[in-house]
């Protein structure tokens, strides 16, 4: 499992018709994260992607 923390920017894998994109993490749960898409067609939108869609940490808040 990737070590993810609030305020990290992560890379979310492509799904459905949404391409790979960057996402700022608000909260981390066992099965998903919450936060806001930063790039792509969902930029500015709130979301709750499952943990499995996280490809890696683009920028750590630490």
Protein backbone atom coordinates (compact mmCIF):
# COMPACT_ATOMS: atom_id res chain seq x y z
CA UNK A 1 0.00 0.00 0.00
CA UNK A 2 1.19 3.51 -0.82
CA UNK A 3 1.77 5.79 2.19
CA UNK A 4 -0.64 8.71 1.67
CA UNK A 5 -1.35 11.64 4.00
CA UNK A 6 -3.70 14.65 4.00
CA UNK A 7 -2.49 17.45 1.66
CA UNK A 8 -0.42 15.03 -0.46
CA UNK A 9 -0.93 15.29 -4.20
CA UNK A 10 -1.38 11.83 -5.68
CA UNK A 11 -1.66 10.40 -9.17
CA UNK A 12 -5.01 8.74 -9.81
CA UNK A 13 -5.20 6.04 -12.50
CA UNK A 14 -7.51 6.44 -15.47
CA UNK A 15 -11.01 5.00 -15.02
CA UNK A 16 -14.15 5.01 -17.17
CA UNK A 17 -13.71 8.04 -19.50
CA UNK A 18 -11.52 9.96 -17.02
CA UNK A 19 -7.78 10.07 -17.83
CA UNK A 20 -4.98 9.75 -15.26
CA UNK A 21 -4.93 12.93 -13.16
CA UNK A 22 -3.58 14.66 -10.05
CA UNK A 23 -5.65 14.75 -6.86
CA UNK A 24 -5.12 16.62 -3.55
CA UNK A 25 -5.92 14.41 -0.54
CA UNK A 26 -8.12 15.74 2.28
CA UNK A 27 -8.70 12.58 4.30
CA UNK A 28 -7.44 9.00 4.15
CA UNK A 29 -9.67 6.02 4.97
CA UNK A 30 -9.10 2.25 4.81
CA UNK A 31 -10.69 1.89 1.37
CA UNK A 32 -10.64 5.38 -0.17
CA UNK A 33 -9.37 8.94 0.02
CA UNK A 34 -11.33 12.17 -0.20
CA UNK A 35 -10.29 15.44 -1.77
CA UNK A 36 -10.23 17.43 -4.99
CA UNK A 37 -9.11 16.70 -8.54
CA UNK A 38 -6.44 19.16 -9.67
CA UNK A 39 -6.10 18.25 -13.35
CA UNK A 40 -8.16 16.60 -16.07
CA UNK A 41 -11.85 16.95 -16.88
CA UNK A 42 -12.81 16.72 -13.19
CA UNK A 43 -10.44 19.53 -12.07
CA UNK A 44 -11.97 21.38 -9.12
CA UNK A 45 -14.43 18.60 -8.35
CA UNK A 46 -14.66 16.80 -4.99
CA UNK A 47 -14.17 13.05 -5.14
CA UNK A 48 -13.70 9.84 -3.18
CA UNK A 49 -11.46 7.57 -5.27
CA UNK A 50 -10.70 4.09 -3.98
CA UNK A 51 -7.19 3.45 -2.65
CA UNK A 52 -6.57 1.01 -5.53
CA UNK A 53 -6.63 3.88 -8.05
CA UNK A 54 -3.64 5.65 -6.46
CA UNK A 55 -0.62 5.09 -8.70
CA UNK A 56 1.79 7.05 -6.51
CA UNK A 57 2.50 10.26 -4.63
CA UNK A 58 3.31 13.17 -6.96
CA UNK A 59 4.11 15.62 -4.14
CA UNK A 60 4.25 14.90 -0.42
CA UNK A 61 2.97 17.46 2.08
CA UNK A 62 5.73 16.48 4.54
